[in-house]
Protein backbone atom coordinates (compact mmCIF):
# COMPACT_ATOMS: atom_id res chain seq x y z
CA MET A 1 94.82 231.84 131.58
CA THR A 2 94.52 235.52 130.62
CA VAL A 3 96.31 237.91 132.97
CA LEU A 4 94.57 241.25 133.33
CA THR A 5 96.94 244.22 132.91
CA ILE A 6 95.72 247.52 134.32
CA LYS A 7 96.64 250.67 132.41
CA VAL A 8 97.80 253.30 134.89
CA ALA A 9 98.13 257.06 134.42
CA ILE A 10 100.05 259.25 136.89
CA ASN A 11 98.86 262.85 137.17
CA GLY A 12 101.64 264.77 138.88
CA TYR A 13 105.27 263.70 138.54
CA GLY A 14 106.88 265.11 141.65
CA THR A 15 108.03 263.58 144.94
CA ILE A 16 105.31 260.92 145.10
CA GLY A 17 104.30 260.66 141.44
CA LYS A 18 107.72 259.75 140.12
CA ARG A 19 108.11 257.06 142.77
CA VAL A 20 104.69 255.57 142.04
CA ALA A 21 105.44 255.60 138.31
CA ASP A 22 108.69 253.69 138.87
CA ALA A 23 106.81 251.21 141.06
CA VAL A 24 104.07 250.65 138.47
CA VAL A 25 106.55 249.68 135.76
CA ARG A 26 107.86 246.93 138.06
CA GLN A 27 104.44 245.26 138.30
CA LYS A 28 103.58 242.37 135.99
CA ASP A 29 99.86 243.14 136.20
CA MET A 30 100.13 246.88 135.45
CA GLN A 31 101.21 249.08 132.56
CA LEU A 32 102.23 252.72 132.88
CA VAL A 33 100.57 254.56 130.01
CA GLY A 34 102.07 257.92 130.89
CA VAL A 35 102.66 260.74 133.37
CA ALA A 36 101.45 264.35 133.40
CA LYS A 37 103.30 267.54 134.34
CA THR A 38 102.33 271.21 134.19
CA ARG A 39 105.82 272.60 133.62
CA PRO A 40 108.98 271.49 131.74
CA THR A 41 111.06 270.90 134.86
CA PHE A 42 114.04 268.59 135.19
CA GLU A 43 111.59 265.91 136.32
CA ALA A 44 109.68 266.20 133.06
CA ARG A 45 112.93 265.68 131.19
CA GLN A 46 113.78 262.70 133.40
CA ALA A 47 110.38 261.15 132.69
CA VAL A 48 111.14 261.27 128.97
CA ASP A 49 114.63 259.89 129.61
CA ARG A 50 112.96 256.95 131.36
CA ARG A 51 110.80 256.51 128.25
CA TYR A 52 107.61 257.42 130.08
CA ALA A 53 105.05 259.05 127.81
CA LEU A 54 104.71 262.64 128.99
CA TYR A 55 101.49 264.63 128.87
CA VAL A 56 100.74 268.29 129.62
CA ALA A 57 98.46 268.95 132.60
CA GLY A 58 96.63 271.93 134.05
CA GLN A 59 97.59 275.32 132.64
CA GLY A 60 100.73 273.90 131.05
CA SER A 61 101.57 274.68 127.43
CA ARG A 62 102.73 272.09 124.92
CA SER A 63 104.81 274.72 123.16
CA GLU A 64 106.61 275.54 126.41
CA PHE A 65 107.68 271.92 126.78
CA GLU A 66 108.73 271.58 123.15
CA SER A 67 110.68 274.85 123.27
CA GLN A 68 112.81 273.15 125.94
CA GLY A 69 113.34 270.12 123.73
CA ILE A 70 110.92 267.96 125.75
CA SER A 71 108.53 265.95 123.61
CA VAL A 72 104.97 265.42 124.82
CA SER A 73 102.32 262.93 123.79
CA GLY A 74 99.24 265.03 124.38
CA THR A 75 97.11 266.57 127.10
CA LEU A 76 96.07 265.24 130.49
CA GLU A 77 92.66 264.40 129.04
CA ASP A 78 94.34 262.32 126.32
CA LEU A 79 96.28 260.47 129.01
CA ILE A 80 93.20 259.75 131.10
CA ARG A 81 91.27 258.43 128.11
CA ALA A 82 94.03 255.86 127.55
CA ALA A 83 94.00 254.62 131.16
CA ASP A 84 91.93 252.37 133.39
CA VAL A 85 92.92 254.30 136.50
CA VAL A 86 94.59 257.61 137.27
CA VAL A 87 96.78 257.98 140.35
CA ASP A 88 96.55 261.64 141.32
CA CYS A 89 99.84 262.83 142.83
CA THR A 90 99.22 266.53 142.33
CA PRO A 91 99.78 269.10 145.11
CA GLU A 92 97.37 269.28 148.03
CA LYS A 93 93.82 270.41 147.10
CA VAL A 94 94.56 270.22 143.38
CA GLY A 95 93.57 266.57 143.42
CA THR A 96 90.08 267.29 144.68
CA ALA A 97 89.58 269.81 141.90
CA ASN A 98 90.57 267.11 139.39
CA ARG A 99 87.76 264.79 140.46
CA GLU A 100 85.27 266.46 138.12
CA LEU A 101 87.49 265.60 135.15
CA TYR A 102 87.95 262.00 136.26
CA ASP A 103 84.22 261.59 136.82
CA ARG A 104 83.40 263.07 133.43
CA LEU A 105 85.76 260.68 131.66
CA GLY A 106 84.58 257.68 133.69
CA VAL A 107 88.03 256.66 134.90
CA ARG A 108 88.75 255.19 138.33
CA ALA A 109 90.96 257.32 140.54
CA ILE A 110 93.34 257.15 143.50
CA TRP A 111 94.25 260.23 145.52
CA GLN A 112 96.93 260.95 148.10
CA GLY A 113 96.58 261.88 151.76
CA GLY A 114 96.78 265.62 151.20
CA GLU A 115 93.16 265.52 150.05
CA LYS A 116 90.22 265.25 152.43
CA ALA A 117 88.75 261.81 153.02
CA THR A 118 85.51 262.87 151.34
CA VAL A 119 87.19 262.86 147.92
CA ALA A 120 86.91 259.05 147.78
CA GLU A 121 84.80 256.11 148.87
CA HIS A 122 87.54 254.75 151.10
CA SER A 123 90.74 255.83 152.80
CA PHE A 124 93.22 253.01 152.28
CA ASN A 125 95.98 251.16 154.06
CA ALA A 126 96.91 247.68 152.83
CA LEU A 127 97.57 246.15 156.25
CA ALA A 128 94.50 247.73 157.84
CA ASN A 129 91.53 247.67 155.42
CA TYR A 130 92.48 246.15 152.06
CA ALA A 131 89.41 243.88 151.90
CA GLU A 132 87.01 246.81 152.38
CA CYS A 133 88.46 248.56 149.34
CA VAL A 134 88.25 245.64 146.88
CA GLY A 135 86.24 246.79 143.87
CA ALA A 136 86.10 250.48 144.85
CA ARG A 137 86.17 253.15 142.15
CA ARG A 138 87.53 255.98 144.32
CA ILE A 139 90.33 255.40 146.85
CA ARG A 140 92.43 257.79 148.92
CA VAL A 141 95.83 256.50 150.04
CA VAL A 142 96.37 258.20 153.38
CA SER A 143 99.33 260.42 154.17
CA CYS A 144 102.79 259.28 155.21
CA ASN A 145 102.16 259.76 158.94
CA THR A 146 98.74 258.13 158.77
CA THR A 147 100.16 255.23 156.78
CA GLY A 148 102.78 254.57 159.45
CA LEU A 149 100.26 254.81 162.28
CA ALA A 150 97.65 252.70 160.49
CA ARG A 151 100.16 249.91 159.83
CA ALA A 152 101.16 249.75 163.49
CA ALA A 153 97.57 250.11 164.68
CA ALA A 154 96.30 247.33 162.43
CA LEU A 155 98.98 245.01 163.77
CA LEU A 156 98.50 245.83 167.46
CA HIS A 157 94.71 246.02 167.41
CA ARG A 158 94.41 242.70 165.58
CA ASN A 159 96.73 240.84 167.97
CA PHE A 160 96.22 242.51 171.35
CA GLY A 161 93.35 245.00 171.15
CA VAL A 162 93.89 248.72 171.75
CA ALA A 163 92.25 250.39 174.73
CA GLU A 164 93.95 253.77 174.30
CA TRP A 165 96.64 255.26 172.05
CA ASP A 166 98.50 258.54 172.48
CA CYS A 167 101.01 259.60 169.84
CA THR A 168 103.30 262.61 169.61
CA LEU A 169 104.54 263.26 166.09
CA VAL A 170 107.84 265.03 165.50
CA ARG A 171 107.39 266.16 161.91
CA ARG A 172 110.01 267.09 159.36
CA ALA A 173 109.70 270.71 158.22
CA ALA A 174 110.03 270.04 154.49
CA ASP A 175 111.06 267.49 151.90
CA PRO A 176 114.72 267.65 150.83
CA ARG A 177 113.82 269.28 147.51
CA GLU A 178 111.84 272.13 149.08
CA SER A 179 113.52 275.49 149.63
CA LYS A 180 110.58 277.71 150.62
CA LYS A 181 109.50 276.02 153.84
CA GLY A 182 110.70 276.30 157.42
CA PRO A 183 111.43 276.61 160.21
CA ILE A 184 115.17 276.97 159.71
CA ASN A 185 115.87 277.28 163.43
CA GLY A 186 112.99 276.52 165.74
CA ILE A 187 110.45 274.01 167.02
CA LEU A 188 106.85 274.79 166.11
CA PRO A 189 104.09 273.12 168.11
CA THR A 190 100.90 272.39 166.22
CA LEU A 191 98.56 274.30 168.48
CA LYS A 192 95.37 272.72 167.17
CA LEU A 193 94.86 269.94 169.71
CA PRO A 194 94.43 267.14 169.11
CA SER A 195 96.15 267.17 165.72
CA HIS A 196 94.42 265.96 162.56
CA HIS A 197 96.44 262.75 162.37
CA GLY A 198 94.31 260.77 164.83
CA PRO A 199 91.01 261.44 163.03
CA ASP A 200 92.75 260.58 159.77
CA VAL A 201 93.80 257.18 161.13
CA GLN A 202 90.16 256.67 162.11
CA THR A 203 89.11 257.03 158.46
CA VAL A 204 90.99 253.75 157.94
CA LEU A 205 90.27 252.12 161.32
CA PRO A 206 86.97 253.56 162.58
CA GLY A 207 86.66 253.64 166.33
CA LEU A 208 90.37 253.28 167.06
CA PRO A 209 90.88 255.21 170.34
CA ILE A 210 93.84 257.31 169.19
CA THR A 211 94.79 260.88 170.06
CA THR A 212 97.67 262.72 168.41
CA ALA A 213 99.71 265.88 168.88
CA ALA A 214 102.41 267.20 166.58
CA MET A 215 105.37 269.54 166.34
CA VAL A 216 107.50 270.62 163.39
CA VAL A 217 111.30 270.60 163.62
CA PRO A 218 114.01 271.82 161.21
CA THR A 219 114.90 268.59 159.42
CA THR A 220 114.12 267.13 156.02
CA LEU A 221 114.95 263.49 156.72
CA MET A 222 111.96 261.73 158.30
CA HIS A 223 109.10 262.00 160.78
CA VAL A 224 109.40 260.31 164.19
CA HIS A 225 106.43 259.11 166.27
CA PHE A 226 106.49 258.49 170.01
CA ASN A 227 103.66 256.09 170.82
CA HIS A 228 102.06 255.11 174.13
CA VAL A 229 99.52 252.34 173.60
CA ARG A 230 97.45 250.69 176.32
CA LEU A 231 96.78 247.14 175.15
CA GLU A 232 93.66 245.20 176.07
CA ARG A 233 95.40 241.80 176.00
CA PRO A 234 99.12 242.43 176.43
CA PRO A 235 101.62 239.67 175.60
CA ALA A 236 103.58 237.95 178.34
CA ASP A 237 106.87 239.64 177.43
CA ILE A 238 108.48 242.26 175.23
CA ALA A 239 110.20 239.63 173.09
CA THR A 240 106.80 238.63 171.73
CA LEU A 241 106.10 242.19 170.62
CA ARG A 242 109.51 242.68 169.06
CA SER A 243 109.20 239.39 167.19
CA LEU A 244 105.76 240.36 165.93
CA PHE A 245 106.99 243.67 164.53
CA ALA A 246 110.05 242.01 162.99
CA SER A 247 108.00 239.32 161.28
CA GLN A 248 105.64 241.71 159.53
CA PRO A 249 105.92 243.08 156.01
CA ARG A 250 106.81 246.76 155.83
CA PHE A 251 108.44 246.94 159.26
CA VAL A 252 112.17 247.04 159.95
CA ILE A 253 113.70 247.00 163.43
CA PHE A 254 117.24 248.11 164.26
CA PRO A 255 118.98 246.35 167.16
CA GLY A 256 121.23 248.37 169.44
CA SER A 257 124.30 246.77 167.88
CA ALA A 258 123.49 248.39 164.51
CA GLY A 259 124.67 251.78 165.73
CA VAL A 260 121.56 253.54 164.42
CA GLU A 261 120.99 256.41 166.82
CA GLY A 262 118.37 258.23 164.78
CA THR A 263 117.12 259.27 161.36
CA PRO A 264 120.53 260.28 159.89
CA GLN A 265 121.82 256.73 160.27
CA VAL A 266 118.52 255.30 158.98
CA MET A 267 118.87 257.31 155.78
CA GLU A 268 122.55 256.43 155.44
CA TRP A 269 121.63 252.75 155.80
CA ALA A 270 118.95 253.21 153.14
CA ARG A 271 121.39 254.84 150.73
CA ASP A 272 123.88 252.04 151.28
CA ARG A 273 121.25 249.46 150.36
CA GLY A 274 121.51 250.79 146.82
CA GLU A 275 117.76 250.75 146.11
CA GLY A 276 116.57 253.57 143.88
CA ARG A 277 116.63 256.91 145.64
CA GLY A 278 117.65 255.55 149.03
CA ASP A 279 113.98 255.29 149.99
CA VAL A 280 112.63 253.64 153.14
CA MET A 281 109.16 252.26 152.47
CA GLU A 282 108.96 250.45 155.81
CA ASN A 283 108.05 251.64 159.31
CA VAL A 284 111.39 251.95 161.11
CA LEU A 285 111.57 250.87 164.75
CA TRP A 286 114.39 250.59 167.25
CA GLU A 287 114.55 247.35 169.25
CA GLU A 288 115.64 249.20 172.38
CA GLY A 289 112.90 251.77 171.77
CA ILE A 290 110.12 249.22 172.34
CA ARG A 291 109.07 248.86 175.98
CA LEU A 292 106.25 247.01 177.71
CA GLN A 293 105.13 247.84 181.24
CA GLY A 294 102.05 245.84 182.16
CA LYS A 295 99.44 246.82 179.59
CA ASP A 296 101.37 249.90 178.46
CA LEU A 297 103.42 249.65 175.29
CA TYR A 298 105.87 252.42 174.38
CA PHE A 299 107.68 252.61 171.05
CA PHE A 300 109.31 255.00 168.63
CA GLN A 301 108.94 254.69 164.87
CA ALA A 302 110.39 256.72 162.01
CA ILE A 303 108.54 257.40 158.76
CA HIS A 304 110.16 258.35 155.45
CA GLN A 305 107.69 260.88 154.09
CA GLU A 306 108.86 260.67 150.47
CA SER A 307 108.32 256.95 149.93
CA ILE A 308 106.27 255.14 152.56
CA VAL A 309 103.00 255.50 150.62
CA VAL A 310 104.42 254.08 147.38
CA PRO A 311 103.65 250.39 148.02
CA GLU A 312 100.21 251.38 149.32
CA ASN A 313 99.38 253.00 145.97
CA ILE A 314 100.28 249.78 144.17
CA ASP A 315 98.15 247.69 146.53
CA ALA A 316 95.28 250.16 146.14
CA ILE A 317 95.30 249.56 142.37
CA ARG A 318 95.15 245.79 142.90
CA ALA A 319 92.30 246.12 145.38
CA MET A 320 90.37 248.46 143.10
CA PHE A 321 90.44 246.03 140.17
CA SER A 322 90.25 242.87 142.30
CA LEU A 323 93.56 241.69 140.83
CA GLU A 324 94.12 240.24 144.30
CA THR A 325 91.39 239.99 146.90
CA ASP A 326 93.83 239.01 149.65
CA ALA A 327 95.92 241.75 151.23
CA GLY A 328 98.82 239.44 152.05
CA ARG A 329 99.18 238.22 148.48
CA SER A 330 99.06 241.74 147.06
CA MET A 331 101.58 243.03 149.57
CA GLY A 332 103.83 240.08 148.79
CA LEU A 333 103.77 240.88 145.08
CA THR A 334 104.37 244.57 145.70
CA ASP A 335 107.14 244.10 148.22
CA THR A 336 108.99 241.56 146.08
CA SER A 337 108.80 243.81 143.02
CA LEU A 338 110.13 246.79 144.99
CA GLY A 339 112.82 244.77 146.76
CA ILE A 340 111.39 245.41 150.22
CA ARG A 341 111.53 241.83 151.45
CA GLU A 342 114.85 241.14 149.74
CA ARG A 343 116.76 244.02 151.30
CA PRO A 344 119.44 243.06 153.83
CA ALA A 345 118.17 243.09 157.40
CA PRO A 346 119.93 245.46 159.81
CA SER A 347 122.52 243.86 162.07
């Protein structure tokens, strides 16, 4: 039996791109053909150190890279021509501008959630709408917050039905690497109400009755969502809900005995697991932060903005090329390769 291997190019080797590249090389049905950068940063040097073929993108200059002792294999166009699919991990709005190039070269493409939904045929979340995206040529993997909400929504809507969902998002101000964003000391409400997150979830789950509001706080660790969901067919007890969350891929629940008060302990736990960059690719819930009162479900979840979309990008590639037509099988392959299922459970 011949196993199809998809050749993957990564355009943009920053926070998301470098993580997706590392994930691709762990897949038996994918091959990383190279990554593209515009400037000879430390990440470009690290890509070469990892033996990833490096290509020059945008307004970048080959001579600028080589003057820094960083060897390159060609231009972004050369990289795309060698690939079956390009995963665009460039900064917000740059990805949309790149579509013309991808279309001209006839390559399939995956974008990230910073782009508008109109850039692609489908917005994607593996747990929510994998089957709808099988065979697509243009896919947008939704943002970190939308990914976390879509996972939870797919689970709850499928099992209990959702009559109404209100979510307040407490958003991190910046990624750890960013030094030009704030606030340093303040809480900034997002005054556009409702926030854009709810409509973005609806690009994955049309018709989901969700409304969102957001605020930005001075932290770099994670986002936290406070959710109030009115269920159509609530379970008999809270234990059923907690067991459902705990049994699902890409969810982790901390019991009270774990001593995890908030996001600092979550990230410390992640670092202690010894996986890669200390990433948390799962939705993080607190057992004591899940409450059921009649039809009303309340729960907190934390979202690691740097890594939660990584497994979704891998599943999107499989869906696009029909490597797996079943979401569960694809997620199983992805999670095993990234060590998600094998990581020690909190105790």
